[in-house]
Amino acid sequence: MKALLVVGTDTEVGKTVLTSSLAAYWQIYKPNKSLGLMKLIQTGIGDREFYQELFGSSPSLEIAAPLCFQTPVAPPIAAEREGRDIDLGQVWQEFRRLGQQQDFVLVEALGGLGSPVTHELTVADLAGEWRLSVVLVAPVKLGAIAQTVANVALARQYQIDLKGIVLNCVQPRTEQQLADWTPIELLESLTCIPVLGVLPYLSDRNDLEKLALVASNLALEKFLPW
């Protein structure tokens, strides 16, 4: 199956920005190819609604969020508070269905590879068991190096196919801040994983052409099918 899982080093680091940028790029530059866009598990209101607003009218893109909770906390806690089970079989079946019906599937994870999915499993467990190719999003901020190294180590532990790292400017950043907080050569030296590019800060995340443009500046040939 042609699919890509977008994970972060933490929450609020730019997974949705990267996922929507890749989806916008796919729509503009691969108009004859269909795309599935899936949120692995959603807690609270946010990503699914954003994707519906941005891509809901597209006939070649299908949005799926097979498991949603109202409480904006980690899935096992949200499930407990709402008296529900976390049915990963349902998530897997929806993922498989998208893979059979669409040319490519983008899946946005929750948090980092160590984020809990159930009381026993993390995102890394699913990525490893489902044999998903992964791209890791790291924010341009102080402390990002340690978080990135930790997530890459976890990817190796679970034998995950980590294609690369994408740096994201969660706020406007200068070239000096980029060099000081997330130096690319140091990240690649510490992790032995390529940095695929840098996403600039986007004040308007609803501009499809701008989203596609920033995606086009990434090393897409290393993780998208052609």
C-alpha atoms as a PDB file:
ATOM      1  CA  MET A   1       0.000   0.000   0.000  1.00  0.00           C
ATOM      2  CA  LYS A   2       1.259   3.492  -0.842  1.00  0.00           C
ATOM      3  CA  ALA A   3       0.861   5.430   2.383  1.00  0.00           C
ATOM      4  CA  LEU A   4       2.714   7.899   4.595  1.00  0.00           C
ATOM      5  CA  LEU A   5       2.306   8.546   8.306  1.00  0.00           C
ATOM      6  CA  VAL A   6       3.083  12.090   9.464  1.00  0.00           C
ATOM      7  CA  VAL A   7       4.231  12.178  13.091  1.00  0.00           C
ATOM      8  CA  GLY A   8       5.651  14.959  15.236  1.00  0.00           C
ATOM      9  CA  THR A   9       8.230  15.223  17.952  1.00  0.00           C
ATOM     10  CA  ASP A  10       5.376  16.446  20.182  1.00  0.00           C
ATOM     11  CA  THR A  11       1.924  18.003  19.929  1.00  0.00           C
ATOM     12  CA  GLU A  12       1.425  21.340  18.169  1.00  0.00           C
ATOM     13  CA  VAL A  13       4.634  21.104  16.136  1.00  0.00           C
ATOM     14  CA  GLY A  14       3.195  21.193  12.600  1.00  0.00           C
ATOM     15  CA  LYS A  15       1.863  17.766  11.632  1.00  0.00           C
ATOM     16  CA  THR A  16      -1.325  19.310  10.261  1.00  0.00           C
ATOM     17  CA  VAL A  17       0.626  21.964   8.362  1.00  0.00           C
ATOM     18  CA  LEU A  18       2.794  19.354   6.656  1.00  0.00           C
ATOM     19  CA  THR A  19      -0.114  16.996   5.974  1.00  0.00           C
ATOM     20  CA  SER A  20      -2.280  19.738   4.460  1.00  0.00           C
ATOM     21  CA  SER A  21       0.677  21.068   2.433  1.00  0.00           C
ATOM     22  CA  LEU A  22       1.298  17.619   0.951  1.00  0.00           C
ATOM     23  CA  ALA A  23      -2.410  17.176   0.235  1.00  0.00           C
ATOM     24  CA  ALA A  24      -2.569  20.592  -1.473  1.00  0.00           C
ATOM     25  CA  TYR A  25       0.510  19.743  -3.544  1.00  0.00           C
ATOM     26  CA  TRP A  26      -1.021  16.407  -4.554  1.00  0.00           C
ATOM     27  CA  GLN A  27      -4.238  18.083  -5.648  1.00  0.00           C
ATOM     28  CA  ILE A  28      -2.518  20.702  -7.775  1.00  0.00           C
ATOM     29  CA  TYR A  29       0.303  18.664  -9.293  1.00  0.00           C
ATOM     30  CA  LYS A  30      -1.292  15.198  -9.415  1.00  0.00           C
ATOM     31  CA  PRO A  31      -4.853  16.061 -10.497  1.00  0.00           C
ATOM     32  CA  ASN A  32      -5.437  12.635 -12.060  1.00  0.00           C
ATOM     33  CA  LYS A  33      -4.446  10.725  -8.919  1.00  0.00           C
ATOM     34  CA  SER A  34      -6.770  10.206  -5.948  1.00  0.00           C
ATOM     35  CA  LEU A  35      -5.758  10.779  -2.343  1.00  0.00           C
ATOM     36  CA  GLY A  36      -6.982   9.519   1.007  1.00  0.00           C
ATOM     37  CA  LEU A  37      -6.462  11.841   3.966  1.00  0.00           C
ATOM     38  CA  MET A  38      -6.887  10.208   7.349  1.00  0.00           C
ATOM     39  CA  LYS A  39      -6.566  11.279  10.966  1.00  0.00           C
ATOM     40  CA  LEU A  40      -5.347   8.216  12.875  1.00  0.00           C
ATOM     41  CA  ILE A  41      -7.353   9.057  16.013  1.00  0.00           C
ATOM     42  CA  GLN A  42      -8.817  12.449  16.872  1.00  0.00           C
ATOM     43  CA  THR A  43      -9.446  13.796  20.348  1.00  0.00           C
ATOM     44  CA  GLY A  44     -11.260  17.114  20.591  1.00  0.00           C
ATOM     45  CA  ILE A  45     -12.244  19.282  17.653  1.00  0.00           C
ATOM     46  CA  GLY A  46      -9.657  20.318  15.112  1.00  0.00           C
ATOM     47  CA  ASP A  47      -7.920  18.449  12.324  1.00  0.00           C
ATOM     48  CA  ARG A  48     -10.854  16.601  10.757  1.00  0.00           C
ATOM     49  CA  GLU A  49     -12.885  19.817  10.662  1.00  0.00           C
ATOM     50  CA  PHE A  50      -9.959  21.749   9.201  1.00  0.00           C
ATOM     51  CA  TYR A  51      -9.453  19.160   6.457  1.00  0.00           C
ATOM     52  CA  GLN A  52     -13.166  19.162   5.646  1.00  0.00           C
ATOM     53  CA  GLU A  53     -13.134  22.937   5.288  1.00  0.00           C
ATOM     54  CA  LEU A  54      -9.988  22.914   3.157  1.00  0.00           C
ATOM     55  CA  PHE A  55     -10.516  19.842   0.962  1.00  0.00           C
ATOM     56  CA  GLY A  56     -14.123  18.768   1.479  1.00  0.00           C
ATOM     57  CA  SER A  57     -15.279  19.857  -1.953  1.00  0.00           C
ATOM     58  CA  SER A  58     -12.596  17.954  -3.845  1.00  0.00           C
ATOM     59  CA  PRO A  59     -13.898  14.906  -5.756  1.00  0.00           C
ATOM     60  CA  SER A  60     -10.460  13.255  -5.872  1.00  0.00           C
ATOM     61  CA  LEU A  61      -9.712  13.481  -2.143  1.00  0.00           C
ATOM     62  CA  GLU A  62     -11.434  11.459   0.574  1.00  0.00           C
ATOM     63  CA  ILE A  63     -11.200  12.472   4.232  1.00  0.00           C
ATOM     64  CA  ALA A  64     -11.528   9.868   6.975  1.00  0.00           C
ATOM     65  CA  ALA A  65     -11.443  10.034  10.764  1.00  0.00           C
ATOM     66  CA  PRO A  66     -12.641   6.593  11.868  1.00  0.00           C
ATOM     67  CA  LEU A  67     -12.240   7.145  15.604  1.00  0.00           C
ATOM     68  CA  CYS A  68     -13.032  10.484  17.261  1.00  0.00           C
ATOM     69  CA  PHE A  69     -13.405  11.502  20.895  1.00  0.00           C
ATOM     70  CA  GLN A  70     -14.778  14.777  22.186  1.00  0.00           C
ATOM     71  CA  THR A  71     -12.321  15.138  25.067  1.00  0.00           C
ATOM     72  CA  PRO A  72      -9.048  16.819  23.951  1.00  0.00           C
ATOM     73  CA  VAL A  73      -6.624  14.557  25.836  1.00  0.00           C
ATOM     74  CA  ALA A  74      -4.663  11.370  25.060  1.00  0.00           C
ATOM     75  CA  PRO A  75      -6.900   8.672  23.508  1.00  0.00           C
ATOM     76  CA  PRO A  76      -6.858   6.182  26.421  1.00  0.00           C
ATOM     77  CA  ILE A  77      -7.853   8.942  28.837  1.00  0.00           C
ATOM     78  CA  ALA A  78     -10.499  10.323  26.466  1.00  0.00           C
ATOM     79  CA  ALA A  79     -11.946   6.832  26.007  1.00  0.00           C
ATOM     80  CA  GLU A  80     -12.159   6.295  29.771  1.00  0.00           C
ATOM     81  CA  ARG A  81     -13.892   9.619  30.364  1.00  0.00           C
ATOM     82  CA  GLU A  82     -16.420   8.947  27.608  1.00  0.00           C
ATOM     83  CA  GLY A  83     -17.016   5.313  28.528  1.00  0.00           C
ATOM     84  CA  ARG A  84     -15.876   4.029  25.153  1.00  0.00           C
ATOM     85  CA  ASP A  85     -13.393   1.535  23.756  1.00  0.00           C
ATOM     86  CA  ILE A  86     -10.529   2.259  21.381  1.00  0.00           C
ATOM     87  CA  ASP A  87     -11.303  -0.002  18.449  1.00  0.00           C
ATOM     88  CA  LEU A  88      -8.052  -0.182  16.500  1.00  0.00           C
ATOM     89  CA  GLY A  89      -9.601  -2.802  14.250  1.00  0.00           C
ATOM     90  CA  GLN A  90     -11.999  -0.140  13.008  1.00  0.00           C
ATOM     91  CA  VAL A  91      -9.087   2.239  12.362  1.00  0.00           C
ATOM     92  CA  TRP A  92      -7.149  -0.470  10.522  1.00  0.00           C
ATOM     93  CA  GLN A  93     -10.121  -1.417   8.340  1.00  0.00           C
ATOM     94  CA  GLU A  94     -10.677   2.193   7.336  1.00  0.00           C
ATOM     95  CA  PHE A  95      -7.003   2.605   6.552  1.00  0.00           C
ATOM     96  CA  ARG A  96      -7.038  -0.553   4.427  1.00  0.00           C
ATOM     97  CA  ARG A  97     -10.186   0.575   2.617  1.00  0.00           C
ATOM     98  CA  LEU A  98      -8.598   3.921   1.741  1.00  0.00           C
ATOM     99  CA  GLY A  99      -5.489   2.135   0.517  1.00  0.00           C
ATOM    100  CA  GLN A 100      -7.553  -0.062  -1.787  1.00  0.00           C
ATOM    101  CA  GLN A 101      -9.637   2.791  -3.195  1.00  0.00           C
ATOM    102  CA  GLN A 102      -7.137   5.661  -3.395  1.00  0.00           C
ATOM    103  CA  ASP A 103      -3.814   6.018  -5.182  1.00  0.00           C
ATOM    104  CA  PHE A 104      -2.069   7.282  -2.044  1.00  0.00           C
ATOM    105  CA  VAL A 105      -2.965   7.720   1.630  1.00  0.00           C
ATOM    106  CA  LEU A 106      -1.714  10.439   3.979  1.00  0.00           C
ATOM    107  CA  VAL A 107      -2.228   9.653   7.653  1.00  0.00           C
ATOM    108  CA  GLU A 108      -1.766  12.247  10.373  1.00  0.00           C
ATOM    109  CA  ALA A 109      -0.776  10.728  13.698  1.00  0.00           C
ATOM    110  CA  LEU A 110      -1.287  12.174  17.162  1.00  0.00           C
ATOM    111  CA  GLY A 111       1.682  13.648  18.994  1.00  0.00           C
ATOM    112  CA  GLY A 112       5.000  11.847  18.702  1.00  0.00           C
ATOM    113  CA  LEU A 113       5.992   8.231  18.215  1.00  0.00           C
ATOM    114  CA  GLY A 114       5.830   7.731  21.977  1.00  0.00           C
ATOM    115  CA  SER A 115       2.313   9.136  22.282  1.00  0.00           C
ATOM    116  CA  PRO A 116      -0.176   6.619  23.728  1.00  0.00           C
ATOM    117  CA  VAL A 117      -2.867   5.155  21.521  1.00  0.00           C
ATOM    118  CA  THR A 118      -4.151   2.736  24.144  1.00  0.00           C
ATOM    119  CA  HIS A 119      -2.939   1.800  27.634  1.00  0.00           C
ATOM    120  CA  GLU A 120      -0.593  -0.713  25.997  1.00  0.00           C
ATOM    121  CA  LEU A 121       0.294   0.743  22.593  1.00  0.00           C
ATOM    122  CA  THR A 122       1.972   3.868  21.254  1.00  0.00           C
ATOM    123  CA  VAL A 123       2.038   5.449  17.799  1.00  0.00           C
ATOM    124  CA  ALA A 124       5.386   3.691  17.289  1.00  0.00           C
ATOM    125  CA  ASP A 125       3.725   0.317  17.885  1.00  0.00           C
ATOM    126  CA  LEU A 126       1.167   0.988  15.148  1.00  0.00           C
ATOM    127  CA  ALA A 127       3.718   2.417  12.710  1.00  0.00           C
ATOM    128  CA  GLY A 128       5.893  -0.647  13.184  1.00  0.00           C
ATOM    129  CA  GLU A 129       3.128  -3.248  13.079  1.00  0.00           C
ATOM    130  CA  TRP A 130       1.381  -1.646  10.107  1.00  0.00           C
ATOM    131  CA  ARG A 131       4.716  -1.164   8.302  1.00  0.00           C
ATOM    132  CA  LEU A 132       4.083   2.485   7.581  1.00  0.00           C
ATOM    133  CA  SER A 133       6.583   4.846   6.027  1.00  0.00           C
ATOM    134  CA  VAL A 134       6.980   7.838   8.326  1.00  0.00           C
ATOM    135  CA  VAL A 135       8.024  11.475   8.138  1.00  0.00           C
ATOM    136  CA  LEU A 136       8.892  13.231  11.394  1.00  0.00           C
ATOM    137  CA  VAL A 137       7.988  16.906  11.920  1.00  0.00           C
ATOM    138  CA  ALA A 138      10.184  18.865  14.327  1.00  0.00           C
ATOM    139  CA  PRO A 139       9.571  22.479  15.375  1.00  0.00           C
ATOM    140  CA  VAL A 140      12.187  25.174  14.991  1.00  0.00           C
ATOM    141  CA  LYS A 141      12.572  25.994  18.677  1.00  0.00           C
ATOM    142  CA  LEU A 142      14.943  25.498  21.574  1.00  0.00           C
ATOM    143  CA  GLY A 143      14.887  21.883  22.725  1.00  0.00           C
ATOM    144  CA  ALA A 144      13.903  20.446  19.357  1.00  0.00           C
ATOM    145  CA  ILE A 145      17.216  18.629  18.892  1.00  0.00           C
ATOM    146  CA  ALA A 146      16.707  16.414  21.955  1.00  0.00           C
ATOM    147  CA  GLN A 147      13.092  15.663  21.020  1.00  0.00           C
ATOM    148  CA  THR A 148      14.100  14.755  17.474  1.00  0.00           C
ATOM    149  CA  VAL A 149      16.911  12.464  18.589  1.00  0.00           C
ATOM    150  CA  ALA A 150      14.556  10.701  21.033  1.00  0.00           C
ATOM    151  CA  ASN A 151      11.893  10.106  18.371  1.00  0.00           C
ATOM    152  CA  VAL A 152      14.451   8.819  15.872  1.00  0.00           C
ATOM    153  CA  ALA A 153      15.784   6.417  18.502  1.00  0.00           C
ATOM    154  CA  LEU A 154      12.246   5.161  19.073  1.00  0.00           C
ATOM    155  CA  ALA A 155      11.772   4.703  15.325  1.00  0.00           C
ATOM    156  CA  ARG A 156      14.895   2.543  15.208  1.00  0.00           C
ATOM    157  CA  GLN A 157      13.762   0.503  18.190  1.00  0.00           C
ATOM    158  CA  TYR A 158      10.503  -0.351  16.400  1.00  0.00           C
ATOM    159  CA  GLN A 159      12.199  -0.786  13.001  1.00  0.00           C
ATOM    160  CA  ILE A 160      10.118   1.987  11.464  1.00  0.00           C
ATOM    161  CA  ASP A 161      10.810   3.154   7.911  1.00  0.00           C
ATOM    162  CA  LEU A 162      11.618   6.778   8.783  1.00  0.00           C
ATOM    163  CA  LYS A 163      12.025   8.648   5.501  1.00  0.00           C
ATOM    164  CA  GLY A 164      13.259  11.909   6.967  1.00  0.00           C
ATOM    165  CA  ILE A 165      12.729  14.964   9.134  1.00  0.00           C
ATOM    166  CA  VAL A 166      10.836  18.115   8.188  1.00  0.00           C
ATOM    167  CA  LEU A 167      11.504  21.253  10.221  1.00  0.00           C
ATOM    168  CA  ASN A 168       8.533  23.532  10.800  1.00  0.00           C
ATOM    169  CA  CYS A 169       8.530  27.166  11.877  1.00  0.00           C
ATOM    170  CA  VAL A 170       5.747  27.251  14.461  1.00  0.00           C
ATOM    171  CA  GLN A 171       6.324  31.008  14.721  1.00  0.00           C
ATOM    172  CA  PRO A 172       8.187  33.456  12.456  1.00  0.00           C
ATOM    173  CA  ARG A 173      11.873  32.482  12.660  1.00  0.00           C
ATOM    174  CA  THR A 174      15.082  34.066  11.431  1.00  0.00           C
ATOM    175  CA  GLU A 175      17.864  32.215   9.641  1.00  0.00           C
ATOM    176  CA  GLN A 176      19.962  32.652  12.770  1.00  0.00           C
ATOM    177  CA  GLN A 177      17.303  31.027  14.947  1.00  0.00           C
ATOM    178  CA  LEU A 178      17.072  28.142  12.498  1.00  0.00           C
ATOM    179  CA  ALA A 179      20.843  27.695  12.633  1.00  0.00           C
ATOM    180  CA  ASP A 180      20.978  27.971  16.436  1.00  0.00           C
ATOM    181  CA  TRP A 181      17.950  25.879  17.429  1.00  0.00           C
ATOM    182  CA  THR A 182      17.737  23.214  14.695  1.00  0.00           C
ATOM    183  CA  PRO A 183      21.053  23.127  12.815  1.00  0.00           C
ATOM    184  CA  ILE A 184      20.504  20.751   9.928  1.00  0.00           C
ATOM    185  CA  GLU A 185      24.023  19.308   9.801  1.00  0.00           C
ATOM    186  CA  LEU A 186      23.949  18.536  13.527  1.00  0.00           C
ATOM    187  CA  LEU A 187      20.525  16.900  13.313  1.00  0.00           C
ATOM    188  CA  GLU A 188      21.620  14.722  10.409  1.00  0.00           C
ATOM    189  CA  SER A 189      24.875  13.847  12.164  1.00  0.00           C
ATOM    190  CA  LEU A 190      23.142  12.845  15.408  1.00  0.00           C
ATOM    191  CA  THR A 191      20.309  10.885  13.785  1.00  0.00           C
ATOM    192  CA  CYS A 192      21.740   9.657  10.455  1.00  0.00           C
ATOM    193  CA  ILE A 193      18.351  10.687   9.005  1.00  0.00           C
ATOM    194  CA  PRO A 194      18.057  13.301   6.234  1.00  0.00           C
ATOM    195  CA  VAL A 195      16.376  16.647   6.836  1.00  0.00           C
ATOM    196  CA  LEU A 196      13.915  16.947   3.949  1.00  0.00           C
ATOM    197  CA  GLY A 197      13.431  20.696   4.190  1.00  0.00           C
ATOM    198  CA  VAL A 198      11.983  23.539   6.229  1.00  0.00           C
ATOM    199  CA  LEU A 199       8.379  24.730   6.295  1.00  0.00           C
ATOM    200  CA  PRO A 200       8.161  28.503   6.829  1.00  0.00           C
ATOM    201  CA  TYR A 201       5.686  30.023   9.237  1.00  0.00           C
ATOM    202  CA  LEU A 202       2.291  30.293   7.542  1.00  0.00           C
ATOM    203  CA  SER A 203      -0.078  32.944   8.842  1.00  0.00           C
ATOM    204  CA  ASP A 204      -2.842  31.666   6.541  1.00  0.00           C
ATOM    205  CA  ARG A 205      -3.177  27.878   6.478  1.00  0.00           C
ATOM    206  CA  ASN A 206      -6.200  28.030   4.141  1.00  0.00           C
ATOM    207  CA  ASP A 207      -4.299  29.160   1.033  1.00  0.00           C
ATOM    208  CA  LEU A 208      -4.011  25.987  -1.081  1.00  0.00           C
ATOM    209  CA  GLU A 209      -1.561  27.470  -3.549  1.00  0.00           C
ATOM    210  CA  LYS A 210       0.726  28.661  -0.743  1.00  0.00           C
ATOM    211  CA  LEU A 211       0.496  25.288   0.977  1.00  0.00           C
ATOM    212  CA  ALA A 212       1.414  23.506  -2.256  1.00  0.00           C
ATOM    213  CA  LEU A 213       4.287  25.928  -2.847  1.00  0.00           C
ATOM    214  CA  VAL A 214       5.921  25.287   0.527  1.00  0.00           C
ATOM    215  CA  ALA A 215       5.527  21.532  -0.011  1.00  0.00           C
ATOM    216  CA  SER A 216       7.244  21.816  -3.404  1.00  0.00           C
ATOM    217  CA  ASN A 217      10.367  23.107  -1.655  1.00  0.00           C
ATOM    218  CA  LEU A 218      10.760  19.839   0.284  1.00  0.00           C
ATOM    219  CA  ALA A 219      12.715  16.826  -0.995  1.00  0.00           C
ATOM    220  CA  LEU A 220       9.462  15.162  -2.053  1.00  0.00           C
ATOM    221  CA  GLU A 221      11.199  12.570  -4.208  1.00  0.00           C
ATOM    222  CA  LYS A 222      12.433  10.907  -1.022  1.00  0.00           C
ATOM    223  CA  PHE A 223       9.013  10.141   0.417  1.00  0.00           C
ATOM    224  CA  LEU A 224       6.191  10.622  -2.115  1.00  0.00           C
ATOM    225  CA  PRO A 225       5.398   8.114  -4.897  1.00  0.00           C
ATOM    226  CA  TRP A 226       6.034   9.232  -8.475  1.00  0.00           C
END
